[in-house]
Amino acid sequence: MSWRLSLLAAVTWLGCAPQSIAAVSCEHDRCEAGGSAGLAGSGSSAGASGGLAGAGGFGGSARALLHRYSFDATADGIEVIDSAGGLNGALVGAVYGTGEAAGTVLLAGKDSNQYVDLPNHLLDSLKDVTFEAWVSWAGGDPWQRIFDFGEDDTGVDGSRRGQPRSYVFLACIPAPRFAFRPPPVQSAETVITGPDAFPTDILTHVAVVIDETAQRARLFLNGQETGSTRFTGTLAAVYDVNNWLGRSQYIADAGFEGSFSEFRIYGRALSATELSQSFDAGPDASIP
């Protein structure tokens, strides 16, 4: 599958009202380039995804890759394999792409309630972390989530009946927007909003870097840093019993309309150089 593949119009989209959260511009003038330390793999890789060794030095021994979710259909047609950490997810209503769209999962968005459900507590013990995804967004309603990890104020696994209490998410609004909120409900958000609209109908690389050690959060689009802000919170404050790709903690928000080709979580803050190299390598690159 070409990683430049545009989304095939294979599903029918329905409608839902957006959730409103006050916009906060990213501190774009404070963006800083990262270093060029080598990225590590998990040491375990399965399926069609394998190592970035030889990609301009992208590969190393820090073993930073914790979870890698690719979207190749399995024998039972529902399991989402974590080839790095073994914590597999599941498709909820969504379907795998076929033909030229093989290796993707297609989400109908709006009120279809289609999403990828990842295991609970993936954020446990994480301090410095990088979230990385390749998606093709079809556009449409604002506040669609690429990922959203957190809970509502009931703390019940899977619940969206209450007010979201803590979360970390990346959304298209239509500009890419990162937000982090620790408990209690209505505490202040840490936010980065990109300066430009999120691309539509083309495979796009997006990443969020949370560096608690340096007290920085950074947003990347297609290998380039587009926003940065001070980060003084801790991911440990998020009680992540709802770990979703394509679904919001806010029940009024539309689902993600488009496709996912890859989602990864690293246990450290990747540098700007590493993310640029990862973008160049594409979602199907092998990571030793």
Protein backbone atom coordinates (compact mmCIF):
# COMPACT_ATOMS: atom_id res chain seq x y z
CA MET A 1 0.00 0.00 0.00
CA SER A 2 1.32 3.41 -0.91
CA TRP A 3 1.57 5.63 2.18
CA ARG A 4 0.45 8.57 0.02
CA LEU A 5 -2.92 6.86 -0.57
CA SER A 6 -5.94 9.15 -0.32
CA LEU A 7 -9.03 7.91 1.52
CA LEU A 8 -11.37 5.85 -0.63
CA ALA A 9 -14.97 6.98 -0.33
CA ALA A 10 -16.06 3.56 0.90
CA VAL A 11 -18.48 4.49 3.67
CA THR A 12 -21.57 6.69 4.18
CA TRP A 13 -21.29 9.63 6.56
CA LEU A 14 -24.02 10.66 9.05
CA GLY A 15 -24.31 13.80 11.28
CA CYS A 16 -23.77 14.96 14.90
CA ALA A 17 -23.34 18.33 16.66
CA PRO A 18 -19.85 19.44 17.80
CA GLN A 19 -18.72 20.10 21.35
CA SER A 20 -17.43 23.61 22.00
CA ILE A 21 -14.20 24.22 23.90
CA ALA A 22 -12.59 27.67 23.99
CA ALA A 23 -9.78 27.86 21.44
CA VAL A 24 -6.28 28.72 22.57
CA SER A 25 -3.59 29.50 20.02
CA CYS A 26 -0.33 27.63 20.21
CA GLU A 27 2.76 29.55 21.18
CA HIS A 28 4.19 29.17 17.71
CA ASP A 29 7.03 31.59 18.34
CA ARG A 30 8.26 29.30 21.11
CA CYS A 31 8.66 26.21 18.92
CA GLU A 32 12.11 24.72 19.31
CA ALA A 33 13.94 22.19 17.19
CA GLY A 34 14.81 18.95 18.94
CA GLY A 35 18.08 17.06 18.89
CA SER A 36 19.01 14.12 16.71
CA ALA A 37 19.31 11.26 19.17
CA GLY A 38 18.51 7.89 17.60
CA LEU A 39 15.07 6.31 17.93
CA ALA A 40 14.77 2.88 19.31
CA GLY A 41 12.54 0.02 18.42
CA SER A 42 10.72 -2.38 20.64
CA GLY A 43 12.79 -5.40 19.82
CA SER A 44 9.59 -7.19 18.73
CA SER A 45 7.75 -6.68 15.47
CA ALA A 46 5.01 -8.65 13.80
CA GLY A 47 2.94 -8.61 10.66
CA ALA A 48 3.65 -6.21 7.81
CA SER A 49 5.42 -3.62 9.94
CA GLY A 50 9.16 -3.99 10.52
CA GLY A 51 12.71 -1.46 11.34
CA LEU A 52 13.83 1.95 10.50
CA ALA A 53 17.48 1.02 10.75
CA GLY A 54 19.36 2.68 7.94
CA ALA A 55 16.83 5.50 7.55
CA GLY A 56 19.27 8.32 8.19
CA GLY A 57 20.23 6.95 11.60
CA PHE A 58 16.58 6.45 12.65
CA GLY A 59 16.97 3.40 14.86
CA GLY A 60 18.91 2.77 18.05
CA SER A 61 19.07 0.97 21.36
CA ALA A 62 16.81 3.01 23.67
CA ARG A 63 13.86 0.66 22.94
CA ALA A 64 11.40 3.54 23.08
CA LEU A 65 8.54 2.06 21.05
CA LEU A 66 5.91 0.80 23.51
CA HIS A 67 2.84 0.21 21.32
CA ARG A 68 2.40 -0.07 17.57
CA TYR A 69 -1.05 -0.47 16.08
CA SER A 70 -1.20 -1.29 12.38
CA PHE A 71 -4.44 -2.18 10.63
CA ASP A 72 -4.04 -5.39 8.69
CA ALA A 73 -7.07 -7.68 8.83
CA THR A 74 -6.67 -10.68 11.12
CA ALA A 75 -8.26 -14.10 10.84
CA ASP A 76 -11.18 -13.12 13.08
CA GLY A 77 -11.50 -9.73 11.38
CA ILE A 78 -11.77 -7.72 14.61
CA GLU A 79 -8.50 -7.77 16.56
CA VAL A 80 -6.15 -4.78 16.31
CA ILE A 81 -2.64 -6.12 16.89
CA ASP A 82 -0.08 -4.27 19.03
CA SER A 83 3.10 -5.61 17.41
CA ALA A 84 5.37 -3.82 19.91
CA GLY A 85 3.73 -4.26 23.30
CA GLY A 86 1.19 -7.04 22.87
CA LEU A 87 -1.73 -4.96 24.23
CA ASN A 88 -4.17 -5.56 21.42
CA GLY A 89 -7.21 -3.39 20.66
CA ALA A 90 -10.47 -3.97 18.84
CA LEU A 91 -12.56 -2.41 16.09
CA VAL A 92 -15.95 -1.09 17.19
CA GLY A 93 -18.23 -0.85 14.18
CA ALA A 94 -15.32 0.11 11.93
CA VAL A 95 -14.09 -1.95 8.97
CA TYR A 96 -10.71 -2.76 7.48
CA GLY A 97 -9.92 -1.32 4.09
CA THR A 98 -9.58 -3.69 1.14
CA GLY A 99 -7.85 -3.53 -2.22
CA GLU A 100 -5.78 -0.36 -2.50
CA ALA A 101 -6.98 0.63 0.98
CA ALA A 102 -5.66 -2.58 2.60
CA GLY A 103 -3.71 -1.88 5.77
CA THR A 104 -6.13 0.82 6.95
CA VAL A 105 -9.21 0.98 9.12
CA LEU A 106 -12.14 3.05 7.80
CA LEU A 107 -14.29 5.15 10.15
CA ALA A 108 -17.59 6.64 8.99
CA GLY A 109 -17.53 9.54 11.46
CA LYS A 110 -20.47 11.71 12.53
CA ASP A 111 -22.82 9.67 14.78
CA SER A 112 -21.84 6.27 13.36
CA ASN A 113 -20.12 5.34 16.66
CA GLN A 114 -17.26 3.68 14.78
CA TYR A 115 -13.86 3.77 16.47
CA VAL A 116 -10.83 1.76 17.59
CA ASP A 117 -10.90 0.72 21.25
CA LEU A 118 -7.44 0.37 22.79
CA PRO A 119 -6.71 -1.27 26.16
CA ASN A 120 -7.15 0.70 29.37
CA HIS A 121 -4.27 2.32 31.25
CA LEU A 122 -1.80 2.67 28.39
CA LEU A 123 -0.60 5.88 30.07
CA ASP A 124 0.32 4.19 33.35
CA SER A 125 3.89 5.02 34.43
CA LEU A 126 4.52 7.21 31.35
CA LYS A 127 6.29 10.51 31.88
CA ASP A 128 7.91 11.56 28.60
CA VAL A 129 5.89 10.23 25.68
CA THR A 130 5.29 10.62 21.94
CA PHE A 131 1.98 9.84 20.22
CA GLU A 132 2.34 9.34 16.45
CA ALA A 133 -0.28 8.60 13.80
CA TRP A 134 -0.80 8.41 10.05
CA VAL A 135 -4.38 9.27 9.10
CA SER A 136 -6.41 10.42 6.13
CA TRP A 137 -9.09 12.86 7.26
CA ALA A 138 -12.19 13.37 5.11
CA GLY A 139 -13.03 16.72 6.73
CA GLY A 140 -16.52 17.54 7.94
CA ASP A 141 -17.66 18.38 11.45
CA PRO A 142 -15.22 20.01 13.90
CA TRP A 143 -13.76 18.38 17.03
CA GLN A 144 -13.21 14.99 15.41
CA ARG A 145 -10.66 13.07 17.45
CA ILE A 146 -7.58 11.32 16.16
CA PHE A 147 -7.04 9.97 19.66
CA ASP A 148 -8.66 10.66 23.02
CA PHE A 149 -7.49 8.97 26.24
CA GLY A 150 -9.31 9.68 29.50
CA GLU A 151 -12.58 9.32 31.43
CA ASP A 152 -15.80 11.02 32.37
CA ASP A 153 -16.63 11.96 35.95
CA THR A 154 -18.13 8.54 36.64
CA GLY A 155 -14.75 6.87 36.13
CA VAL A 156 -16.58 3.92 34.56
CA ASP A 157 -14.91 2.05 31.71
CA GLY A 158 -16.55 3.09 28.43
CA SER A 159 -18.83 5.74 29.94
CA ARG A 160 -19.62 9.03 28.16
CA ARG A 161 -22.67 9.83 30.28
CA GLY A 162 -20.94 12.31 32.57
CA GLN A 163 -18.70 15.35 32.13
CA PRO A 164 -15.18 14.52 30.89
CA ARG A 165 -12.93 14.76 33.96
CA SER A 166 -9.42 14.12 32.63
CA TYR A 167 -8.05 13.53 29.15
CA VAL A 168 -5.31 13.92 26.61
CA PHE A 169 -6.45 14.24 23.01
CA LEU A 170 -5.60 15.27 19.46
CA ALA A 171 -8.42 16.64 17.31
CA CYS A 172 -9.15 18.23 13.93
CA ILE A 173 -11.19 21.41 14.52
CA PRO A 174 -10.32 21.86 11.53
CA ALA A 175 -6.75 22.82 12.56
CA PRO A 176 -4.91 20.14 14.54
CA ARG A 177 -5.41 20.72 18.26
CA PHE A 178 -3.77 19.00 21.22
CA ALA A 179 -5.37 19.28 24.67
CA PHE A 180 -4.53 17.93 28.12
CA ARG A 181 -6.75 18.32 31.18
CA PRO A 182 -6.05 16.80 34.61
CA PRO A 183 -8.82 16.35 37.18
CA PRO A 184 -10.96 17.81 38.65
CA VAL A 185 -13.69 18.60 36.10
CA GLN A 186 -13.25 22.06 34.52
CA SER A 187 -9.61 22.40 35.54
CA ALA A 188 -7.46 24.40 33.11
CA GLU A 189 -6.44 22.84 29.80
CA THR A 190 -2.97 22.78 28.29
CA VAL A 191 -3.56 23.42 24.58
CA ILE A 192 -1.67 23.65 21.30
CA THR A 193 -3.54 24.59 18.12
CA GLY A 194 -1.72 24.36 14.81
CA PRO A 195 -1.57 27.43 12.56
CA ASP A 196 -3.07 25.76 9.47
CA ALA A 197 -6.03 23.52 8.67
CA PHE A 198 -5.49 19.78 8.86
CA PRO A 199 -5.03 18.33 5.34
CA THR A 200 -7.97 16.39 3.91
CA ASP A 201 -8.17 13.29 1.70
CA ILE A 202 -4.45 12.60 1.83
CA LEU A 203 -2.40 10.45 4.20
CA THR A 204 -0.97 12.78 6.85
CA HIS A 205 1.61 12.26 9.59
CA VAL A 206 0.84 13.89 12.95
CA ALA A 207 2.57 13.62 16.32
CA VAL A 208 2.33 15.01 19.84
CA VAL A 209 5.41 15.05 22.07
CA ILE A 210 4.98 15.46 25.82
CA ASP A 211 8.27 16.11 27.59
CA GLU A 212 7.53 16.33 31.30
CA THR A 213 11.23 16.47 32.06
CA ALA A 214 11.71 19.64 29.99
CA GLN A 215 8.15 20.87 30.76
CA ARG A 216 7.27 21.17 27.05
CA ALA A 217 4.58 19.84 24.74
CA ARG A 218 5.03 19.96 20.96
CA LEU A 219 2.80 19.37 17.95
CA PHE A 220 4.13 18.05 14.61
CA LEU A 221 2.52 17.79 11.18
CA ASN A 222 4.22 15.93 8.33
CA GLY A 223 7.54 15.92 10.14
CA GLN A 224 7.57 19.65 10.95
CA GLU A 225 6.97 21.25 14.36
CA THR A 226 3.94 23.54 14.16
CA GLY A 227 3.32 24.45 17.80
CA SER A 228 4.75 24.31 21.29
CA THR A 229 3.70 25.25 24.80
CA ARG A 230 4.81 24.87 28.40
CA PHE A 231 3.65 21.62 29.99
CA THR A 232 3.64 21.49 33.78
CA GLY A 233 1.17 18.65 34.29
CA THR A 234 1.67 14.90 34.35
CA LEU A 235 0.08 12.20 32.22
CA ALA A 236 -0.25 10.12 35.40
CA ALA A 237 -3.15 12.42 36.35
CA VAL A 238 -5.25 11.07 33.46
CA TYR A 239 -7.33 8.06 34.46
CA ASP A 240 -7.40 6.48 31.01
CA VAL A 241 -10.20 3.92 31.06
CA ASN A 242 -11.39 5.22 27.67
CA ASN A 243 -8.53 4.93 25.19
CA TRP A 244 -10.00 5.60 21.78
CA LEU A 245 -8.90 6.30 18.22
CA GLY A 246 -11.56 8.26 16.35
CA ARG A 247 -13.89 8.85 19.32
CA SER A 248 -14.22 11.75 21.78
CA GLN A 249 -14.83 11.72 25.54
CA TYR A 250 -17.50 14.35 24.74
CA ILE A 251 -20.63 12.58 23.52
CA ALA A 252 -21.68 15.59 21.38
CA ASP A 253 -18.51 15.48 19.25
CA ALA A 254 -18.65 13.80 15.86
CA GLY A 255 -16.59 10.69 15.28
CA PHE A 256 -13.50 10.74 13.09
CA GLU A 257 -14.36 10.59 9.40
CA GLY A 258 -11.58 8.99 7.43
CA SER A 259 -8.97 6.27 7.82
CA PHE A 260 -6.07 5.25 10.08
CA SER A 261 -2.95 3.61 8.73
CA GLU A 262 -0.80 3.52 11.89
CA PHE A 263 -0.78 4.61 15.55
CA ARG A 264 2.25 4.44 17.83
CA ILE A 265 3.15 5.33 21.42
CA TYR A 266 6.79 5.84 22.43
CA GLY A 267 8.05 5.95 25.99
CA ARG A 268 10.12 9.07 25.49
CA ALA A 269 10.02 12.49 23.86
CA LEU A 270 11.20 12.03 20.28
CA SER A 271 13.20 14.86 18.76
CA ALA A 272 12.26 16.95 15.76
CA THR A 273 14.91 15.13 13.73
CA GLU A 274 13.53 11.72 14.66
CA LEU A 275 9.99 12.70 13.75
CA SER A 276 11.11 14.14 10.44
CA GLN A 277 12.88 10.86 9.69
CA SER A 278 9.81 8.87 10.74
CA PHE A 279 7.63 10.95 8.42
CA ASP A 280 10.05 10.31 5.56
CA ALA A 281 10.08 6.57 6.29
CA GLY A 282 6.26 6.31 6.29
CA PRO A 283 3.79 4.21 8.27
CA ASP A 284 4.87 0.85 6.90
CA ALA A 285 8.54 1.24 7.88
CA SER A 286 10.18 -1.51 9.86
CA ILE A 287 11.34 -0.71 13.40
CA PRO A 288 13.90 -3.18 14.79
